[in-house]
N, C-alpha and C. Protein backbone atom coordinates (compact mmCIF):
# COMPACT_ATOMS: atom_id res chain seq x y z
N MET A 1 95.74 104.23 92.42
CA MET A 1 96.98 104.71 91.85
C MET A 1 97.57 103.57 91.03
N SER A 2 98.04 103.88 89.84
CA SER A 2 98.60 102.87 88.96
C SER A 2 99.96 102.39 89.47
N ILE A 3 100.38 101.27 88.95
CA ILE A 3 101.67 100.71 89.37
C ILE A 3 102.81 101.64 88.99
N LEU A 4 102.69 102.34 87.87
CA LEU A 4 103.73 103.28 87.47
C LEU A 4 103.83 104.44 88.46
N ALA A 5 102.69 104.93 88.93
CA ALA A 5 102.69 105.99 89.94
C ALA A 5 103.30 105.50 91.24
N TRP A 6 102.99 104.26 91.65
CA TRP A 6 103.60 103.69 92.86
C TRP A 6 105.12 103.64 92.72
N ILE A 7 105.59 103.25 91.56
CA ILE A 7 107.04 103.16 91.35
C ILE A 7 107.68 104.54 91.40
N ILE A 8 107.09 105.52 90.77
CA ILE A 8 107.66 106.87 90.76
C ILE A 8 107.64 107.47 92.17
N VAL A 9 106.51 107.35 92.87
CA VAL A 9 106.43 107.87 94.24
C VAL A 9 107.42 107.13 95.13
N GLY A 10 107.53 105.82 94.95
CA GLY A 10 108.48 105.04 95.74
C GLY A 10 109.92 105.45 95.52
N LEU A 11 110.28 105.69 94.26
CA LEU A 11 111.65 106.12 93.96
C LEU A 11 111.95 107.49 94.55
N ILE A 12 111.03 108.42 94.41
CA ILE A 12 111.25 109.77 94.94
C ILE A 12 111.33 109.73 96.47
N ALA A 13 110.39 109.03 97.10
CA ALA A 13 110.37 108.95 98.56
C ALA A 13 111.59 108.22 99.10
N GLY A 14 112.00 107.14 98.44
CA GLY A 14 113.19 106.40 98.87
C GLY A 14 114.45 107.24 98.75
N TRP A 15 114.56 107.98 97.66
CA TRP A 15 115.73 108.84 97.48
C TRP A 15 115.75 109.96 98.52
N LEU A 16 114.59 110.60 98.76
CA LEU A 16 114.54 111.66 99.77
C LEU A 16 114.87 111.13 101.16
N ALA A 17 114.33 109.96 101.49
CA ALA A 17 114.62 109.36 102.80
C ALA A 17 116.10 109.02 102.93
N GLU A 18 116.70 108.56 101.84
CA GLU A 18 118.13 108.26 101.84
C GLU A 18 118.94 109.51 102.12
N GLN A 19 118.56 110.63 101.52
CA GLN A 19 119.26 111.89 101.74
C GLN A 19 119.09 112.38 103.17
N ILE A 20 117.89 112.26 103.71
CA ILE A 20 117.61 112.72 105.07
C ILE A 20 118.34 111.85 106.09
N ALA A 21 118.34 110.53 105.86
CA ALA A 21 118.95 109.61 106.81
C ALA A 21 120.46 109.50 106.63
N GLY A 22 121.02 110.11 105.61
CA GLY A 22 122.47 110.07 105.41
C GLY A 22 122.98 108.70 105.00
N ARG A 23 122.24 108.01 104.18
CA ARG A 23 122.63 106.68 103.71
C ARG A 23 122.94 106.74 102.22
N SER A 24 123.46 105.64 101.72
CA SER A 24 123.75 105.55 100.30
C SER A 24 123.28 104.19 99.80
N HIS A 25 122.19 104.19 99.03
CA HIS A 25 121.61 102.97 98.49
C HIS A 25 121.56 103.06 96.98
N GLY A 26 121.21 101.96 96.39
CA GLY A 26 121.01 101.94 94.95
C GLY A 26 119.57 102.23 94.59
N LEU A 27 119.29 102.22 93.31
CA LEU A 27 117.98 102.54 92.79
C LEU A 27 116.92 101.55 93.27
N LEU A 28 117.22 100.27 93.22
CA LEU A 28 116.26 99.25 93.64
C LEU A 28 115.96 99.34 95.13
N THR A 29 116.97 99.57 95.94
CA THR A 29 116.77 99.72 97.38
C THR A 29 115.94 100.95 97.69
N ASN A 30 116.18 102.04 96.98
CA ASN A 30 115.37 103.25 97.15
C ASN A 30 113.91 102.97 96.82
N LEU A 31 113.68 102.21 95.76
CA LEU A 31 112.32 101.88 95.37
C LEU A 31 111.63 101.05 96.46
N ILE A 32 112.31 100.05 96.96
CA ILE A 32 111.73 99.19 98.00
C ILE A 32 111.48 99.98 99.27
N VAL A 33 112.45 100.78 99.69
CA VAL A 33 112.29 101.60 100.90
C VAL A 33 111.14 102.60 100.71
N GLY A 34 111.03 103.18 99.53
CA GLY A 34 109.96 104.14 99.26
C GLY A 34 108.58 103.51 99.29
N ILE A 35 108.45 102.32 98.72
CA ILE A 35 107.14 101.65 98.70
C ILE A 35 106.77 101.19 100.11
N ILE A 36 107.71 100.62 100.85
CA ILE A 36 107.44 100.26 102.24
C ILE A 36 107.11 101.52 103.04
N GLY A 37 107.84 102.60 102.77
CA GLY A 37 107.58 103.86 103.43
C GLY A 37 106.18 104.40 103.15
N ALA A 38 105.67 104.16 101.95
CA ALA A 38 104.31 104.59 101.62
C ALA A 38 103.30 103.87 102.50
N PHE A 39 103.51 102.58 102.72
CA PHE A 39 102.61 101.84 103.60
C PHE A 39 102.74 102.30 105.05
N VAL A 40 103.97 102.46 105.51
CA VAL A 40 104.21 102.92 106.89
C VAL A 40 103.64 104.32 107.08
N GLY A 41 103.94 105.22 106.16
CA GLY A 41 103.45 106.59 106.25
C GLY A 41 101.94 106.66 106.17
N GLY A 42 101.35 105.87 105.30
CA GLY A 42 99.89 105.84 105.20
C GLY A 42 99.26 105.38 106.49
N PHE A 43 99.87 104.37 107.12
CA PHE A 43 99.36 103.89 108.41
C PHE A 43 99.51 104.97 109.48
N LEU A 44 100.69 105.58 109.54
CA LEU A 44 100.94 106.61 110.56
C LEU A 44 100.00 107.80 110.42
N PHE A 45 99.88 108.30 109.20
CA PHE A 45 99.08 109.50 108.98
C PHE A 45 97.59 109.25 109.14
N SER A 46 97.10 108.11 108.66
CA SER A 46 95.65 107.89 108.71
C SER A 46 95.19 107.29 110.02
N THR A 47 95.87 106.28 110.51
CA THR A 47 95.41 105.58 111.70
C THR A 47 95.83 106.28 112.99
N LEU A 48 97.10 106.57 113.12
CA LEU A 48 97.59 107.12 114.38
C LEU A 48 97.34 108.62 114.51
N LEU A 49 97.50 109.37 113.44
CA LEU A 49 97.36 110.81 113.50
C LEU A 49 95.99 111.32 113.05
N GLY A 50 95.24 110.49 112.37
CA GLY A 50 93.90 110.85 111.95
C GLY A 50 93.81 111.77 110.75
N PHE A 51 94.91 111.95 110.01
CA PHE A 51 94.89 112.79 108.82
C PHE A 51 94.40 111.99 107.62
N GLU A 52 93.59 112.61 106.82
CA GLU A 52 93.14 112.01 105.57
C GLU A 52 93.74 112.83 104.43
N TYR A 53 94.25 112.18 103.44
CA TYR A 53 94.82 112.86 102.30
C TYR A 53 94.35 112.15 101.03
N ARG A 54 94.38 112.86 99.94
CA ARG A 54 93.95 112.29 98.67
C ARG A 54 95.09 111.48 98.09
N GLN A 55 94.83 110.20 97.88
CA GLN A 55 95.86 109.33 97.33
C GLN A 55 96.02 109.59 95.84
N GLY A 56 97.19 109.31 95.35
CA GLY A 56 97.49 109.49 93.94
C GLY A 56 98.90 110.03 93.80
N PHE A 57 99.23 110.41 92.61
CA PHE A 57 100.55 110.96 92.35
C PHE A 57 100.49 112.46 92.60
N ASN A 58 100.77 112.85 93.84
CA ASN A 58 100.74 114.26 94.23
C ASN A 58 101.77 114.49 95.33
N LEU A 59 101.92 115.74 95.71
CA LEU A 59 102.92 116.11 96.71
C LEU A 59 102.62 115.48 98.07
N ALA A 60 101.35 115.39 98.43
CA ALA A 60 100.97 114.80 99.71
C ALA A 60 101.39 113.33 99.79
N SER A 61 101.21 112.59 98.71
CA SER A 61 101.61 111.18 98.70
C SER A 61 103.12 111.03 98.83
N ILE A 62 103.85 111.90 98.16
CA ILE A 62 105.32 111.85 98.25
C ILE A 62 105.77 112.19 99.66
N LEU A 63 105.14 113.18 100.27
CA LEU A 63 105.47 113.57 101.64
C LEU A 63 105.18 112.43 102.62
N VAL A 64 104.01 111.84 102.52
CA VAL A 64 103.62 110.74 103.41
C VAL A 64 104.57 109.56 103.22
N ALA A 65 104.88 109.21 101.99
CA ALA A 65 105.79 108.10 101.72
C ALA A 65 107.20 108.40 102.21
N THR A 66 107.65 109.64 102.09
CA THR A 66 108.99 110.00 102.57
C THR A 66 109.07 109.91 104.08
N VAL A 67 108.07 110.43 104.77
CA VAL A 67 108.05 110.33 106.24
C VAL A 67 108.04 108.87 106.66
N GLY A 68 107.23 108.08 106.01
CA GLY A 68 107.19 106.65 106.32
C GLY A 68 108.51 105.95 106.04
N ALA A 69 109.17 106.33 104.95
CA ALA A 69 110.46 105.73 104.62
C ALA A 69 111.54 106.11 105.63
N VAL A 70 111.54 107.36 106.09
CA VAL A 70 112.50 107.77 107.11
C VAL A 70 112.26 107.00 108.40
N VAL A 71 111.00 106.85 108.78
CA VAL A 71 110.65 106.07 109.98
C VAL A 71 111.11 104.62 109.79
N PHE A 72 110.86 104.05 108.62
CA PHE A 72 111.28 102.69 108.33
C PHE A 72 112.80 102.53 108.43
N LEU A 73 113.55 103.48 107.85
CA LEU A 73 115.01 103.41 107.94
C LEU A 73 115.50 103.56 109.37
N PHE A 74 114.84 104.41 110.16
CA PHE A 74 115.21 104.57 111.56
C PHE A 74 114.98 103.26 112.32
N ILE A 75 113.83 102.64 112.12
CA ILE A 75 113.52 101.37 112.79
C ILE A 75 114.50 100.29 112.34
N LEU A 76 114.80 100.25 111.06
CA LEU A 76 115.73 99.27 110.52
C LEU A 76 117.12 99.44 111.12
N SER A 77 117.59 100.68 111.23
CA SER A 77 118.92 100.91 111.81
C SER A 77 118.93 100.63 113.31
N PHE A 78 117.80 100.84 113.98
CA PHE A 78 117.71 100.55 115.40
C PHE A 78 117.87 99.05 115.66
N PHE A 79 117.20 98.23 114.85
CA PHE A 79 117.28 96.79 115.04
C PHE A 79 118.58 96.19 114.52
N SER A 80 119.23 96.86 113.58
CA SER A 80 120.50 96.33 113.07
C SER A 80 121.69 96.83 113.88
N GLY A 81 121.46 97.79 114.77
CA GLY A 81 122.52 98.28 115.64
C GLY A 81 123.39 99.35 115.02
N GLU A 82 123.01 99.87 113.88
CA GLU A 82 123.80 100.92 113.23
C GLU A 82 123.60 102.24 113.94
N GLN A 83 124.64 103.02 114.02
CA GLN A 83 124.58 104.35 114.62
C GLN A 83 124.77 105.38 113.52
N ARG A 84 123.69 106.02 113.12
CA ARG A 84 123.75 107.06 112.09
C ARG A 84 123.06 108.30 112.61
N GLN A 85 123.53 109.43 112.15
CA GLN A 85 122.90 110.69 112.52
C GLN A 85 122.04 111.17 111.38
N ILE A 86 120.85 111.64 111.71
CA ILE A 86 119.99 112.22 110.70
C ILE A 86 120.46 113.63 110.45
N ARG A 87 120.58 113.99 109.19
CA ARG A 87 121.09 115.30 108.80
C ARG A 87 120.10 116.38 109.11
């Protein structure tokens, strides 16, 4: 996947995770959360759950990255002590 596709998937996944987690971040934070979420989601789906998906700029990649980003935000809020409700 090209760097441009990583950036687009990261932005979409970060924004979706922000909406699900009820947070308010900027564009750069959404990008970072989305890219980290892609790594977390890829690990969760492939290693722990055993699912294989076709990488690239597609709906499956956005879904995996969004799930990973939500998990990342949950872990981050757990360690920072924030109390937020998921919508």
